């Protein structure tokens, strides 16, 4: 079931020297980075948009909570059916994980803005864009960065797991082979 540590070390050296490990790492990191961007950017921007639309936020909040609760690895076979076995299902898996982590973290930051600051800015004549740029954004950005920091290792792990499920390249494939 398991190789000896010496055999594993020799195989690691062999894969490193012939460039095969670098090839598989590149494939995995490509899926992780694309998925990180595709899931992270909407996860960052959507809370700021929903801040201005509280009715829409109230309507979609249960759906976001349900989407967050769905085990993403259970969706991996569906992603394979929808997108094939190339890079796209791994990107979709990573994006689905990263989106919710960044979204809920950023939403917590947007909701944590001190309402007194916003009201004071409105009294002083600030426009909605001024409030967003000078009060909401600086207050929420630490939460957003925390979400990205949490999502980064998950993106690599999700790409590897996606490759374990169906792939002929990547670190997950290499682990399985």
Protein backbone atom coordinates (compact mmCIF):
# COMPACT_ATOMS: atom_id res chain seq x y z
CA UNK A 1 0.00 0.00 0.00
CA UNK A 2 2.82 2.40 0.83
CA UNK A 3 6.31 2.74 -0.51
CA UNK A 4 9.29 2.97 1.74
CA UNK A 5 10.54 6.50 2.51
CA UNK A 6 13.69 5.81 0.50
CA UNK A 7 11.72 4.79 -2.60
CA UNK A 8 9.42 7.81 -2.25
CA UNK A 9 12.43 10.14 -1.94
CA UNK A 10 14.12 8.57 -4.97
CA UNK A 11 10.92 8.87 -7.01
CA UNK A 12 10.54 12.51 -5.94
CA UNK A 13 14.12 13.20 -7.06
CA UNK A 14 13.53 11.42 -10.36
CA UNK A 15 10.35 13.40 -11.05
CA UNK A 16 12.11 16.64 -10.11
CA UNK A 17 15.08 16.01 -12.36
CA UNK A 18 13.18 14.98 -15.46
CA UNK A 19 10.76 17.95 -15.20
CA UNK A 20 7.63 15.88 -14.79
CA UNK A 21 6.95 17.24 -11.29
CA UNK A 22 7.20 20.81 -12.56
CA UNK A 23 4.78 20.01 -15.39
CA UNK A 24 2.20 18.59 -12.96
CA UNK A 25 2.71 21.44 -10.47
CA UNK A 26 2.15 23.97 -13.25
CA UNK A 27 -1.14 22.32 -14.20
CA UNK A 28 -2.37 22.26 -10.61
CA UNK A 29 -1.37 25.86 -9.90
CA UNK A 30 -2.97 26.98 -13.14
CA UNK A 31 -6.31 25.50 -12.03
CA UNK A 32 -5.86 26.97 -8.55
CA UNK A 33 -5.01 30.48 -9.76
CA UNK A 34 -7.77 30.66 -12.39
CA UNK A 35 -10.33 29.33 -9.94
CA UNK A 36 -9.06 31.71 -7.25
CA UNK A 37 -9.58 34.68 -9.55
CA UNK A 38 -12.89 33.51 -11.01
CA UNK A 39 -14.32 32.83 -7.56
CA UNK A 40 -12.55 35.57 -5.63
CA UNK A 41 -13.36 38.62 -7.71
CA UNK A 42 -17.16 38.15 -7.61
CA UNK A 43 -16.87 37.12 -3.97
CA UNK A 44 -15.15 40.44 -3.29
CA UNK A 45 -17.43 42.71 -5.32
CA UNK A 46 -20.86 41.20 -4.67
CA UNK A 47 -21.10 42.23 -0.98
CA UNK A 48 -20.48 45.86 -1.96
CA UNK A 49 -23.23 45.67 -4.58
CA UNK A 50 -25.65 43.94 -2.19
CA UNK A 51 -24.97 46.62 0.43
CA UNK A 52 -26.84 49.10 -1.76
CA UNK A 53 -29.67 46.62 -2.47
CA UNK A 54 -30.89 45.36 0.91
CA UNK A 55 -34.06 43.79 -0.51
CA UNK A 56 -32.07 41.76 -3.04
CA UNK A 57 -29.62 40.84 -0.27
CA UNK A 58 -32.49 39.60 1.91
CA UNK A 59 -33.87 37.54 -0.97
CA UNK A 60 -30.58 35.91 -1.94
CA UNK A 61 -29.10 35.45 1.54
CA UNK A 62 -30.73 32.03 2.13
CA UNK A 63 -29.48 30.86 -1.25
CA UNK A 64 -25.94 31.96 -0.45
CA UNK A 65 -26.14 30.19 2.91
CA UNK A 66 -27.42 27.03 1.24
CA UNK A 67 -24.71 27.23 -1.41
CA UNK A 68 -22.08 27.58 1.27
CA UNK A 69 -23.45 24.54 3.09
CA UNK A 70 -23.33 22.26 0.07
CA UNK A 71 -20.21 20.05 0.18
CA UNK A 72 -18.27 21.26 -2.85
CA UNK A 73 -16.47 17.96 -3.34
CA UNK A 74 -19.85 16.35 -3.91
CA UNK A 75 -20.28 18.71 -6.86
CA UNK A 76 -17.03 17.59 -8.49
CA UNK A 77 -18.65 14.74 -10.50
CA UNK A 78 -21.25 17.23 -11.76
CA UNK A 79 -18.51 19.63 -12.81
CA UNK A 80 -16.86 16.78 -14.72
CA UNK A 81 -20.15 16.06 -16.49
CA UNK A 82 -20.75 19.72 -17.30
CA UNK A 83 -17.22 20.78 -18.25
CA UNK A 84 -15.42 17.59 -19.29
CA UNK A 85 -12.18 16.25 -17.83
CA UNK A 86 -9.80 19.03 -18.81
CA UNK A 87 -8.93 22.07 -16.68
CA UNK A 88 -12.43 23.59 -16.53
CA UNK A 89 -14.00 21.32 -13.85
CA UNK A 90 -11.03 21.89 -11.55
CA UNK A 91 -11.36 25.65 -12.05
CA UNK A 92 -15.11 25.43 -11.31
CA UNK A 93 -14.47 23.42 -8.15
CA UNK A 94 -11.85 25.88 -6.92
CA UNK A 95 -14.02 28.89 -7.84
CA UNK A 96 -17.03 27.48 -5.98
CA UNK A 97 -14.98 27.06 -2.81
CA UNK A 98 -13.16 30.39 -3.04
CA UNK A 99 -16.30 32.38 -3.87
CA UNK A 100 -18.12 31.49 -0.68
CA UNK A 101 -15.11 31.96 1.57
CA UNK A 102 -14.35 35.41 0.16
CA UNK A 103 -18.01 36.41 -0.14
CA UNK A 104 -18.97 35.68 3.46
CA UNK A 105 -15.79 37.19 4.82
CA UNK A 106 -16.24 40.38 2.80
CA UNK A 107 -19.95 40.51 3.62
CA UNK A 108 -19.08 40.38 7.32
CA UNK A 109 -16.77 43.35 6.76
CA UNK A 110 -19.40 45.31 4.87
CA UNK A 111 -21.97 44.65 7.57
CA UNK A 112 -19.50 45.55 10.33
CA UNK A 113 -19.22 49.15 9.13
CA UNK A 114 -20.12 51.54 11.89
CA UNK A 115 -23.53 52.97 10.99
CA UNK A 116 -22.73 56.19 12.84
CA UNK A 117 -19.89 56.90 10.41
CA UNK A 118 -22.20 56.36 7.45
CA UNK A 119 -24.92 58.55 8.95
CA UNK A 120 -22.43 61.28 9.80
CA UNK A 121 -21.07 61.24 6.25
CA UNK A 122 -24.61 61.52 4.87
CA UNK A 123 -25.31 64.49 7.15
CA UNK A 124 -22.09 66.07 5.91
CA UNK A 125 -23.34 65.71 2.32
CA UNK A 126 -21.28 62.73 1.14
CA UNK A 127 -22.55 60.87 -1.88
CA UNK A 128 -23.11 57.11 -1.85
CA UNK A 129 -19.90 56.59 -3.83
CA UNK A 130 -17.98 58.74 -1.32
CA UNK A 131 -19.36 56.64 1.53
CA UNK A 132 -18.46 53.42 -0.25
CA UNK A 133 -14.97 54.61 -1.15
CA UNK A 134 -14.02 56.35 2.10
CA UNK A 135 -15.92 54.45 4.80
CA UNK A 136 -17.17 51.04 3.65
CA UNK A 137 -14.20 49.94 1.54
CA UNK A 138 -11.49 50.74 4.13
CA UNK A 139 -13.57 49.12 6.85
CA UNK A 140 -14.28 45.93 4.88
CA UNK A 141 -10.91 45.38 3.22
CA UNK A 142 -9.27 43.61 6.20
CA UNK A 143 -12.16 41.14 6.20
CA UNK A 144 -11.76 40.61 2.44
CA UNK A 145 -8.03 39.98 2.79
CA UNK A 146 -8.75 37.50 5.58
CA UNK A 147 -11.13 35.70 3.22
CA UNK A 148 -8.49 35.58 0.49
CA UNK A 149 -5.87 34.36 2.96
CA UNK A 150 -8.17 31.55 4.08
CA UNK A 151 -9.16 30.70 0.49
CA UNK A 152 -5.61 30.47 -0.91
CA UNK A 153 -4.68 27.06 0.54
CA UNK A 154 -8.20 25.78 -0.11
CA UNK A 155 -7.79 26.63 -3.79
CA UNK A 156 -4.70 24.46 -4.12
CA UNK A 157 -6.30 21.64 -2.16
CA UNK A 158 -9.46 21.81 -4.26
CA UNK A 159 -7.43 21.67 -7.48
CA UNK A 160 -5.57 18.59 -6.23
CA UNK A 161 -8.81 16.89 -5.16
CA UNK A 162 -10.38 17.74 -8.51
CA UNK A 163 -7.43 16.07 -10.20
CA UNK A 164 -7.80 13.03 -7.96
CA UNK A 165 -11.41 12.67 -9.13
CA UNK A 166 -10.72 12.96 -12.85
CA UNK A 167 -7.56 14.06 -14.54
CA UNK A 168 -4.61 12.87 -16.52
CA UNK A 169 -2.36 15.71 -15.32
CA UNK A 170 -1.59 17.59 -12.11
CA UNK A 171 -0.45 16.79 -8.61
CA UNK A 172 -3.69 14.95 -7.80
CA UNK A 173 -3.13 12.68 -10.79
CA UNK A 174 0.48 12.18 -9.74
CA UNK A 175 -0.62 11.21 -6.22
CA UNK A 176 -3.10 8.73 -7.62
CA UNK A 177 -0.73 7.22 -10.22
